[in-house]
Amino acid sequence: MADTQISAHISEATKNQVERYADAHGVKKGALVEQALLHHLQALRELPADIIIPPRLELSEASFAEVVKLTAKPRKASKAMRDLMAGKPGEPSDRP
């Protein structure tokens, strides 16, 4: 099988992460990129679109202001969430 070369513009930060990972794990950058692309494409095929979380989110100024407001004064955790974080057993769910 013949290899095909592609070219892509990536951020300096992403380039640094790729290089650090490749060096640390003894893999070639091309193999790492191909495995990452295959993994991502498989996830796009097999998972529902609404659970794929993009690695970068772009917010409008209004949306960003809303996020700031929500994180500045977070809501109180529900009893179920407090129990979960405390390690208490929860109610049985309807899921298998």
C-alpha atoms as a PDB file:
ATOM      1  CA  MET A   1       0.000   0.000   0.000  1.00  0.00           C
ATOM      2  CA  ALA A   2       1.483   3.344  -1.074  1.00  0.00           C
ATOM      3  CA  ASP A   3       1.570   6.180   1.418  1.00  0.00           C
ATOM      4  CA  THR A   4       0.067   9.560   0.637  1.00  0.00           C
ATOM      5  CA  GLN A   5       1.409  12.740   2.155  1.00  0.00           C
ATOM      6  CA  ILE A   6      -0.934  15.467   3.350  1.00  0.00           C
ATOM      7  CA  SER A   7      -0.199  18.963   4.540  1.00  0.00           C
ATOM      8  CA  ALA A   8      -2.046  20.744   7.314  1.00  0.00           C
ATOM      9  CA  HIS A   9      -1.588  23.932   9.281  1.00  0.00           C
ATOM     10  CA  ILE A  10      -1.613  23.327  13.043  1.00  0.00           C
ATOM     11  CA  SER A  11      -0.930  25.547  16.017  1.00  0.00           C
ATOM     12  CA  GLU A  12       2.519  25.710  17.573  1.00  0.00           C
ATOM     13  CA  ALA A  13       1.040  24.269  20.778  1.00  0.00           C
ATOM     14  CA  THR A  14      -0.364  21.235  18.932  1.00  0.00           C
ATOM     15  CA  LYS A  15       2.938  20.730  17.111  1.00  0.00           C
ATOM     16  CA  ASN A  16       4.771  20.768  20.446  1.00  0.00           C
ATOM     17  CA  GLN A  17       2.356  18.210  21.922  1.00  0.00           C
ATOM     18  CA  VAL A  18       2.789  15.906  18.926  1.00  0.00           C
ATOM     19  CA  GLU A  19       6.567  16.135  19.126  1.00  0.00           C
ATOM     20  CA  ARG A  20       6.653  15.559  22.896  1.00  0.00           C
ATOM     21  CA  TYR A  21       4.370  12.522  22.625  1.00  0.00           C
ATOM     22  CA  ALA A  22       6.280  11.043  19.689  1.00  0.00           C
ATOM     23  CA  ASP A  23       9.608  11.495  21.464  1.00  0.00           C
ATOM     24  CA  ALA A  24       8.348  10.123  24.776  1.00  0.00           C
ATOM     25  CA  HIS A  25       6.736   7.039  23.237  1.00  0.00           C
ATOM     26  CA  GLY A  26       9.185   6.317  20.449  1.00  0.00           C
ATOM     27  CA  VAL A  27       6.656   6.640  17.654  1.00  0.00           C
ATOM     28  CA  LYS A  28       7.013   8.502  14.404  1.00  0.00           C
ATOM     29  CA  LYS A  29       4.941  11.660  14.061  1.00  0.00           C
ATOM     30  CA  GLY A  30       3.326  10.426  10.854  1.00  0.00           C
ATOM     31  CA  ALA A  31       2.178   7.204  12.534  1.00  0.00           C
ATOM     32  CA  LEU A  32       0.824   9.163  15.492  1.00  0.00           C
ATOM     33  CA  VAL A  33      -1.135  11.531  13.243  1.00  0.00           C
ATOM     34  CA  GLU A  34      -2.541   8.654  11.190  1.00  0.00           C
ATOM     35  CA  GLN A  35      -3.653   6.758  14.302  1.00  0.00           C
ATOM     36  CA  ALA A  36      -5.245   9.913  15.717  1.00  0.00           C
ATOM     37  CA  LEU A  37      -7.116  10.565  12.469  1.00  0.00           C
ATOM     38  CA  LEU A  38      -8.318   6.975  12.241  1.00  0.00           C
ATOM     39  CA  HIS A  39      -9.475   7.067  15.856  1.00  0.00           C
ATOM     40  CA  HIS A  40     -11.322  10.351  15.350  1.00  0.00           C
ATOM     41  CA  LEU A  41     -12.965   9.234  12.107  1.00  0.00           C
ATOM     42  CA  GLN A  42     -14.095   5.993  13.752  1.00  0.00           C
ATOM     43  CA  ALA A  43     -15.621   7.968  16.637  1.00  0.00           C
ATOM     44  CA  LEU A  44     -17.448  10.224  14.178  1.00  0.00           C
ATOM     45  CA  ARG A  45     -18.884   7.149  12.429  1.00  0.00           C
ATOM     46  CA  GLU A  46     -19.861   5.188  15.518  1.00  0.00           C
ATOM     47  CA  LEU A  47     -20.894   7.727  18.147  1.00  0.00           C
ATOM     48  CA  PRO A  48     -23.958   9.967  18.145  1.00  0.00           C
ATOM     49  CA  ALA A  49     -23.032  13.440  16.918  1.00  0.00           C
ATOM     50  CA  ASP A  50     -24.353  15.119  20.079  1.00  0.00           C
ATOM     51  CA  ILE A  51     -21.776  13.436  22.314  1.00  0.00           C
ATOM     52  CA  ILE A  52     -18.724  14.432  20.278  1.00  0.00           C
ATOM     53  CA  ILE A  53     -17.132  17.315  22.145  1.00  0.00           C
ATOM     54  CA  PRO A  54     -14.888  19.513  20.016  1.00  0.00           C
ATOM     55  CA  PRO A  55     -11.408  20.124  21.463  1.00  0.00           C
ATOM     56  CA  ARG A  56     -11.886  23.877  21.036  1.00  0.00           C
ATOM     57  CA  LEU A  57     -15.016  25.896  21.637  1.00  0.00           C
ATOM     58  CA  GLU A  58     -15.580  29.337  20.187  1.00  0.00           C
ATOM     59  CA  LEU A  59     -17.887  31.617  22.130  1.00  0.00           C
ATOM     60  CA  SER A  60     -19.461  34.909  21.267  1.00  0.00           C
ATOM     61  CA  GLU A  61     -18.783  37.762  23.687  1.00  0.00           C
ATOM     62  CA  ALA A  62     -22.294  37.342  25.108  1.00  0.00           C
ATOM     63  CA  SER A  63     -21.847  33.584  25.584  1.00  0.00           C
ATOM     64  CA  PHE A  64     -18.459  34.103  27.224  1.00  0.00           C
ATOM     65  CA  ALA A  65     -19.967  36.669  29.597  1.00  0.00           C
ATOM     66  CA  GLU A  66     -22.642  34.112  30.536  1.00  0.00           C
ATOM     67  CA  VAL A  67     -19.990  31.457  31.237  1.00  0.00           C
ATOM     68  CA  VAL A  68     -18.086  33.919  33.422  1.00  0.00           C
ATOM     69  CA  LYS A  69     -21.281  34.731  35.322  1.00  0.00           C
ATOM     70  CA  LEU A  70     -22.145  31.072  35.861  1.00  0.00           C
ATOM     71  CA  THR A  71     -18.655  30.142  37.068  1.00  0.00           C
ATOM     72  CA  ALA A  72     -18.420  33.163  39.370  1.00  0.00           C
ATOM     73  CA  LYS A  73     -21.496  32.012  41.288  1.00  0.00           C
ATOM     74  CA  PRO A  74     -21.981  28.277  40.758  1.00  0.00           C
ATOM     75  CA  ARG A  75     -25.274  26.622  41.656  1.00  0.00           C
ATOM     76  CA  LYS A  76     -25.485  24.424  44.748  1.00  0.00           C
ATOM     77  CA  ALA A  77     -24.980  20.760  43.916  1.00  0.00           C
ATOM     78  CA  SER A  78     -28.099  18.588  44.022  1.00  0.00           C
ATOM     79  CA  LYS A  79     -28.510  15.964  46.749  1.00  0.00           C
ATOM     80  CA  ALA A  80     -27.862  13.238  44.178  1.00  0.00           C
ATOM     81  CA  MET A  81     -24.585  14.928  43.153  1.00  0.00           C
ATOM     82  CA  ARG A  82     -23.509  15.410  46.787  1.00  0.00           C
ATOM     83  CA  ASP A  83     -24.284  11.732  47.510  1.00  0.00           C
ATOM     84  CA  LEU A  84     -22.338  10.658  44.424  1.00  0.00           C
ATOM     85  CA  MET A  85     -19.292  12.713  45.423  1.00  0.00           C
ATOM     86  CA  ALA A  86     -19.531  11.326  48.975  1.00  0.00           C
ATOM     87  CA  GLY A  87     -19.496   7.768  47.616  1.00  0.00           C
ATOM     88  CA  LYS A  88     -22.997   6.966  48.832  1.00  0.00           C
ATOM     89  CA  PRO A  89     -24.958   4.432  46.806  1.00  0.00           C
ATOM     90  CA  GLY A  90     -27.599   5.974  44.606  1.00  0.00           C
ATOM     91  CA  GLU A  91     -31.044   4.961  43.489  1.00  0.00           C
ATOM     92  CA  PRO A  92     -31.104   2.082  41.021  1.00  0.00           C
ATOM     93  CA  SER A  93     -31.491   3.309  37.484  1.00  0.00           C
ATOM     94  CA  ASP A  94     -33.688   1.997  34.713  1.00  0.00           C
ATOM     95  CA  ARG A  95     -30.587   1.368  32.595  1.00  0.00           C
ATOM     96  CA  PRO A  96     -29.066  -2.098  32.277  1.00  0.00           C
END
